[in-house]
Amino acid sequence: MPKKSWIPERGEIIWINYNPQSGREMRDMHPMLVLSPKKFNDRTGIVIGLPMTTAEYNDTNPFAVKFQGPKGIKSYVLAHQPKSFDWRQRNAKIHPWKHAPKEVFTNACLLLNQIILISE
């Protein structure tokens, strides 16, 4: 039986190429916290998510959700930079951390909602 190909799913952390970029946007390969559901990602080939970084200057960024990753690595989910990408064309793959902690995902969604007010 052929192996089923991987499809990003909500709450997963993936590697994705952010190039091309412009201005203050993130560039190169970085992790992304996936917001869109697997069914959407599969059907459209698009993934919607929030970039992640370990850049410590985000420690004072009110739009960053800080958390401790494996091995004590400080990481930040940037809720003010939602992105949508063609994940297949950008050769997305699962990040070694696999999934964000539930509270990190929830807090990132709440912060994004404060910015763009999808629901009250």
N, C-alpha and C. Protein backbone atom coordinates (compact mmCIF):
# COMPACT_ATOMS: atom_id res chain seq x y z
N MET A 1 0.86 -1.18 0.00
CA MET A 1 0.00 0.00 0.00
C MET A 1 0.90 1.24 0.00
N PRO A 2 0.64 2.23 -0.91
CA PRO A 2 1.48 3.43 -0.95
C PRO A 2 1.31 4.27 0.31
N LYS A 3 2.42 4.90 0.71
CA LYS A 3 2.41 5.75 1.90
C LYS A 3 1.61 7.03 1.60
N LYS A 4 0.70 7.38 2.48
CA LYS A 4 -0.11 8.59 2.32
C LYS A 4 0.79 9.81 2.50
N SER A 5 0.67 10.75 1.59
CA SER A 5 1.51 11.94 1.68
C SER A 5 1.05 12.85 2.82
N TRP A 6 1.99 13.54 3.38
CA TRP A 6 1.76 14.43 4.51
C TRP A 6 1.02 15.69 4.06
N ILE A 7 0.11 16.15 4.89
CA ILE A 7 -0.64 17.39 4.67
C ILE A 7 -0.60 18.16 5.99
N PRO A 8 -0.20 19.45 5.96
CA PRO A 8 -0.17 20.21 7.22
C PRO A 8 -1.54 20.26 7.87
N GLU A 9 -1.55 20.24 9.20
CA GLU A 9 -2.81 20.33 9.92
C GLU A 9 -2.75 21.41 10.99
N ARG A 10 -3.92 21.91 11.37
CA ARG A 10 -4.04 22.98 12.37
C ARG A 10 -3.28 22.62 13.65
N GLY A 11 -2.50 23.58 14.13
CA GLY A 11 -1.75 23.37 15.36
C GLY A 11 -0.35 22.81 15.14
N GLU A 12 -0.09 22.32 13.93
CA GLU A 12 1.23 21.78 13.62
C GLU A 12 2.23 22.92 13.42
N ILE A 13 3.49 22.61 13.65
CA ILE A 13 4.57 23.53 13.31
C ILE A 13 5.27 22.95 12.09
N ILE A 14 5.41 23.78 11.05
CA ILE A 14 6.04 23.32 9.81
C ILE A 14 7.22 24.22 9.47
N TRP A 15 8.12 23.69 8.65
CA TRP A 15 9.15 24.52 8.02
C TRP A 15 8.59 24.98 6.69
N ILE A 16 8.77 26.27 6.36
CA ILE A 16 8.34 26.77 5.07
C ILE A 16 9.25 27.92 4.65
N ASN A 17 9.43 28.09 3.35
CA ASN A 17 10.28 29.14 2.81
C ASN A 17 9.47 30.42 2.66
N TYR A 18 9.88 31.48 3.33
CA TYR A 18 9.17 32.75 3.32
C TYR A 18 9.60 33.66 2.16
N ASN A 19 10.57 33.23 1.36
CA ASN A 19 11.01 34.06 0.22
C ASN A 19 10.04 33.90 -0.94
N PRO A 20 9.81 34.95 -1.72
CA PRO A 20 10.39 36.28 -1.59
C PRO A 20 9.72 37.07 -0.46
N GLN A 21 10.47 38.02 0.08
CA GLN A 21 9.96 38.87 1.14
C GLN A 21 10.23 40.32 0.78
N SER A 22 9.63 41.20 1.55
CA SER A 22 9.81 42.63 1.33
C SER A 22 9.80 43.34 2.67
N GLY A 23 10.58 44.40 2.79
CA GLY A 23 10.57 45.20 4.01
C GLY A 23 10.89 44.40 5.25
N ARG A 24 10.04 44.52 6.26
CA ARG A 24 10.26 43.88 7.57
C ARG A 24 9.71 42.45 7.64
N GLU A 25 9.24 41.93 6.53
CA GLU A 25 8.72 40.57 6.52
C GLU A 25 9.85 39.56 6.76
N MET A 26 9.50 38.44 7.33
CA MET A 26 10.45 37.36 7.56
C MET A 26 10.88 36.78 6.21
N ARG A 27 12.12 36.27 6.16
CA ARG A 27 12.61 35.67 4.92
C ARG A 27 13.26 34.32 5.22
N ASP A 28 13.53 33.59 4.18
CA ASP A 28 14.20 32.29 4.24
C ASP A 28 13.33 31.23 4.92
N MET A 29 13.94 30.09 5.28
CA MET A 29 13.21 28.99 5.91
C MET A 29 12.99 29.31 7.39
N HIS A 30 11.75 29.24 7.82
CA HIS A 30 11.39 29.47 9.22
C HIS A 30 10.22 28.57 9.57
N PRO A 31 10.06 28.33 10.85
CA PRO A 31 8.88 27.60 11.27
C PRO A 31 7.61 28.45 11.13
N MET A 32 6.49 27.78 10.96
CA MET A 32 5.18 28.43 10.89
C MET A 32 4.21 27.61 11.73
N LEU A 33 3.40 28.29 12.52
CA LEU A 33 2.32 27.64 13.26
C LEU A 33 1.10 27.63 12.35
N VAL A 34 0.62 26.46 11.99
CA VAL A 34 -0.49 26.31 11.05
C VAL A 34 -1.81 26.63 11.74
N LEU A 35 -2.58 27.56 11.14
CA LEU A 35 -3.91 27.93 11.64
C LEU A 35 -5.02 27.24 10.87
N SER A 36 -4.80 27.02 9.59
CA SER A 36 -5.86 26.47 8.73
C SER A 36 -5.98 24.95 8.91
N PRO A 37 -7.20 24.43 8.74
CA PRO A 37 -7.42 22.99 8.94
C PRO A 37 -6.86 22.16 7.78
N LYS A 38 -6.56 20.91 8.09
CA LYS A 38 -5.98 19.98 7.13
C LYS A 38 -6.81 19.87 5.85
N LYS A 39 -8.12 19.81 5.99
CA LYS A 39 -9.00 19.67 4.81
C LYS A 39 -8.83 20.87 3.87
N PHE A 40 -8.77 22.08 4.42
CA PHE A 40 -8.55 23.29 3.63
C PHE A 40 -7.17 23.23 2.96
N ASN A 41 -6.14 22.88 3.73
CA ASN A 41 -4.77 22.83 3.21
C ASN A 41 -4.64 21.84 2.07
N ASP A 42 -5.31 20.70 2.19
CA ASP A 42 -5.27 19.68 1.15
C ASP A 42 -6.01 20.14 -0.10
N ARG A 43 -7.21 20.63 0.08
CA ARG A 43 -8.05 20.99 -1.06
C ARG A 43 -7.50 22.18 -1.84
N THR A 44 -6.99 23.21 -1.14
CA THR A 44 -6.54 24.43 -1.81
C THR A 44 -5.05 24.44 -2.13
N GLY A 45 -4.27 23.65 -1.41
CA GLY A 45 -2.82 23.70 -1.57
C GLY A 45 -2.21 24.91 -0.86
N ILE A 46 -3.05 25.65 -0.15
CA ILE A 46 -2.63 26.84 0.58
C ILE A 46 -2.64 26.51 2.07
N VAL A 47 -1.68 27.06 2.79
CA VAL A 47 -1.66 26.95 4.24
C VAL A 47 -1.66 28.37 4.81
N ILE A 48 -2.45 28.59 5.85
CA ILE A 48 -2.50 29.88 6.53
C ILE A 48 -1.90 29.67 7.92
N GLY A 49 -0.98 30.56 8.28
CA GLY A 49 -0.33 30.39 9.57
C GLY A 49 0.38 31.62 10.05
N LEU A 50 1.07 31.46 11.15
CA LEU A 50 1.82 32.54 11.79
C LEU A 50 3.29 32.16 11.85
N PRO A 51 4.17 33.09 11.45
CA PRO A 51 5.59 32.79 11.51
C PRO A 51 6.09 32.64 12.93
N MET A 52 7.16 31.88 13.06
CA MET A 52 7.79 31.66 14.35
C MET A 52 9.27 32.00 14.24
N THR A 53 9.83 32.46 15.35
CA THR A 53 11.24 32.83 15.37
C THR A 53 11.80 32.62 16.77
N THR A 54 13.12 32.61 16.85
CA THR A 54 13.80 32.56 18.15
C THR A 54 14.48 33.90 18.43
N ALA A 55 14.27 34.90 17.58
CA ALA A 55 14.91 36.21 17.75
C ALA A 55 14.46 36.84 19.07
N GLU A 56 15.40 37.05 19.98
CA GLU A 56 15.08 37.50 21.34
C GLU A 56 14.53 38.91 21.42
N TYR A 57 14.72 39.73 20.40
CA TYR A 57 14.14 41.08 20.46
C TYR A 57 12.62 41.02 20.51
N ASN A 58 12.04 39.88 20.20
CA ASN A 58 10.59 39.71 20.30
C ASN A 58 10.11 39.55 21.73
N ASP A 59 11.04 39.49 22.67
CA ASP A 59 10.68 39.35 24.08
C ASP A 59 9.80 40.52 24.55
N THR A 60 9.96 41.69 23.94
CA THR A 60 9.15 42.85 24.31
C THR A 60 8.09 43.16 23.26
N ASN A 61 7.93 42.30 22.29
CA ASN A 61 6.94 42.48 21.23
C ASN A 61 5.56 42.11 21.77
N PRO A 62 4.63 43.08 21.85
CA PRO A 62 3.31 42.76 22.40
C PRO A 62 2.48 41.84 21.51
N PHE A 63 2.93 41.61 20.28
CA PHE A 63 2.20 40.76 19.33
C PHE A 63 2.83 39.37 19.20
N ALA A 64 3.80 39.07 20.05
CA ALA A 64 4.48 37.77 20.00
C ALA A 64 4.05 36.92 21.19
N VAL A 65 3.77 35.66 20.92
CA VAL A 65 3.45 34.69 21.97
C VAL A 65 4.73 33.91 22.26
N LYS A 66 5.26 34.11 23.45
CA LYS A 66 6.52 33.48 23.85
C LYS A 66 6.24 32.13 24.49
N PHE A 67 7.09 31.16 24.17
CA PHE A 67 6.99 29.86 24.84
C PHE A 67 8.34 29.16 24.82
N GLN A 68 8.45 28.17 25.67
CA GLN A 68 9.67 27.38 25.79
C GLN A 68 9.51 26.12 24.95
N GLY A 69 10.37 25.97 23.95
CA GLY A 69 10.35 24.78 23.13
C GLY A 69 11.20 23.68 23.76
N PRO A 70 11.36 22.58 23.05
CA PRO A 70 12.22 21.49 23.55
C PRO A 70 13.63 22.00 23.83
N LYS A 71 14.27 21.39 24.78
CA LYS A 71 15.63 21.73 25.18
C LYS A 71 15.76 23.17 25.65
N GLY A 72 14.66 23.76 26.14
CA GLY A 72 14.69 25.11 26.68
C GLY A 72 14.82 26.23 25.67
N ILE A 73 14.56 25.94 24.40
CA ILE A 73 14.69 26.95 23.35
C ILE A 73 13.52 27.92 23.44
N LYS A 74 13.84 29.22 23.61
CA LYS A 74 12.80 30.26 23.62
C LYS A 74 12.34 30.48 22.19
N SER A 75 11.04 30.50 22.00
CA SER A 75 10.49 30.71 20.67
C SER A 75 9.33 31.70 20.76
N TYR A 76 9.02 32.33 19.64
CA TYR A 76 7.97 33.34 19.58
C TYR A 76 7.10 33.09 18.35
N VAL A 77 5.79 33.09 18.55
CA VAL A 77 4.83 33.04 17.45
C VAL A 77 4.41 34.48 17.20
N LEU A 78 4.56 34.95 15.96
CA LEU A 78 4.29 36.34 15.61
C LEU A 78 2.86 36.50 15.11
N ALA A 79 1.97 36.85 16.02
CA ALA A 79 0.54 36.92 15.71
C ALA A 79 0.19 38.09 14.79
N HIS A 80 1.08 39.04 14.62
CA HIS A 80 0.81 40.21 13.79
C HIS A 80 1.25 40.02 12.33
N GLN A 81 1.69 38.82 11.98
CA GLN A 81 2.15 38.58 10.61
C GLN A 81 1.51 37.33 9.99
N PRO A 82 0.17 37.23 9.97
CA PRO A 82 -0.43 36.04 9.34
C PRO A 82 -0.01 35.94 7.87
N LYS A 83 0.23 34.73 7.43
CA LYS A 83 0.69 34.47 6.06
C LYS A 83 -0.13 33.35 5.45
N SER A 84 -0.23 33.39 4.13
CA SER A 84 -0.77 32.25 3.40
C SER A 84 0.21 31.93 2.27
N PHE A 85 0.52 30.66 2.15
CA PHE A 85 1.50 30.21 1.16
C PHE A 85 1.01 28.94 0.47
N ASP A 86 1.48 28.72 -0.75
CA ASP A 86 1.30 27.44 -1.43
C ASP A 86 2.32 26.50 -0.81
N TRP A 87 1.87 25.67 0.11
CA TRP A 87 2.79 24.86 0.89
C TRP A 87 3.49 23.79 0.06
N ARG A 88 2.86 23.33 -1.00
CA ARG A 88 3.50 22.31 -1.85
C ARG A 88 4.63 22.94 -2.66
N GLN A 89 4.37 24.10 -3.28
CA GLN A 89 5.39 24.77 -4.07
C GLN A 89 6.57 25.24 -3.23
N ARG A 90 6.31 25.54 -1.98
CA ARG A 90 7.38 26.01 -1.08
C ARG A 90 8.01 24.87 -0.29
N ASN A 91 7.68 23.64 -0.68
CA ASN A 91 8.27 22.43 -0.08
C ASN A 91 8.21 22.41 1.44
N ALA A 92 7.03 22.71 1.97
CA ALA A 92 6.84 22.69 3.42
C ALA A 92 7.06 21.27 3.95
N LYS A 93 7.55 21.20 5.17
CA LYS A 93 7.71 19.90 5.82
C LYS A 93 7.51 20.07 7.32
N ILE A 94 7.22 18.98 7.96
CA ILE A 94 6.96 19.01 9.39
C ILE A 94 8.22 19.40 10.15
N HIS A 95 8.05 20.26 11.12
CA HIS A 95 9.14 20.72 11.98
C HIS A 95 9.39 19.64 13.04
N PRO A 96 10.62 19.50 13.54
CA PRO A 96 10.87 18.48 14.57
C PRO A 96 10.01 18.62 15.83
N TRP A 97 9.52 19.83 16.13
CA TRP A 97 8.68 20.04 17.31
C TRP A 97 7.27 19.52 17.10
N LYS A 98 6.91 19.23 15.86
CA LYS A 98 5.60 18.67 15.45
C LYS A 98 4.40 19.58 15.72
N HIS A 99 4.00 19.75 16.97
CA HIS A 99 2.82 20.55 17.32
C HIS A 99 3.18 21.59 18.37
N ALA A 100 2.52 22.72 18.29
CA ALA A 100 2.65 23.74 19.33
C ALA A 100 1.83 23.30 20.54
N PRO A 101 2.28 23.66 21.73
CA PRO A 101 1.44 23.39 22.90
C PRO A 101 0.07 24.06 22.73
N LYS A 102 -0.97 23.39 23.21
CA LYS A 102 -2.34 23.89 23.03
C LYS A 102 -2.51 25.33 23.49
N GLU A 103 -1.94 25.69 24.65
CA GLU A 103 -2.09 27.06 25.16
C GLU A 103 -1.38 28.08 24.26
N VAL A 104 -0.30 27.68 23.60
CA VAL A 104 0.40 28.58 22.67
C VAL A 104 -0.49 28.84 21.46
N PHE A 105 -1.07 27.76 20.91
CA PHE A 105 -1.97 27.90 19.76
C PHE A 105 -3.16 28.79 20.13
N THR A 106 -3.77 28.53 21.27
CA THR A 106 -4.93 29.31 21.73
C THR A 106 -4.56 30.78 21.92
N ASN A 107 -3.45 31.04 22.59
CA ASN A 107 -3.03 32.43 22.83
C ASN A 107 -2.68 33.16 21.54
N ALA A 108 -2.07 32.47 20.59
CA ALA A 108 -1.76 33.09 19.30
C ALA A 108 -3.06 33.45 18.56
N CYS A 109 -4.04 32.56 18.59
CA CYS A 109 -5.34 32.84 17.94
C CYS A 109 -6.06 34.00 18.62
N LEU A 110 -6.02 34.05 19.95
CA LEU A 110 -6.66 35.15 20.68
C LEU A 110 -5.99 36.48 20.35
N LEU A 111 -4.68 36.49 20.28
CA LEU A 111 -3.96 37.72 19.96
C LEU A 111 -4.23 38.16 18.52
N LEU A 112 -4.24 37.23 17.59
CA LEU A 112 -4.58 37.56 16.20
C LEU A 112 -5.99 38.12 16.12
N ASN A 113 -6.91 37.54 16.87
CA ASN A 113 -8.28 38.02 16.88
C ASN A 113 -8.37 39.45 17.41
N GLN A 114 -7.54 39.80 18.39
CA GLN A 114 -7.52 41.18 18.89
C GLN A 114 -7.08 42.16 17.81
N ILE A 115 -6.20 41.70 16.91
CA ILE A 115 -5.69 42.56 15.85
C ILE A 115 -6.71 42.72 14.72
N ILE A 116 -7.30 41.60 14.28
CA ILE A 116 -8.18 41.66 13.10
C ILE A 116 -9.65 41.46 13.41
N LEU A 117 -9.98 41.17 14.65
CA LEU A 117 -11.35 41.00 15.14
C LEU A 117 -12.24 40.19 14.20
N ILE A 118 -11.93 38.90 14.13
CA ILE A 118 -12.77 37.99 13.34
C ILE A 118 -14.05 37.67 14.08
N SER A 119 -13.94 37.48 15.40
CA SER A 119 -15.15 37.20 16.18
C SER A 119 -15.05 37.88 17.54
N GLU A 120 -16.22 38.17 18.09
CA GLU A 120 -16.27 38.82 19.41
C GLU A 120 -16.79 37.86 20.44
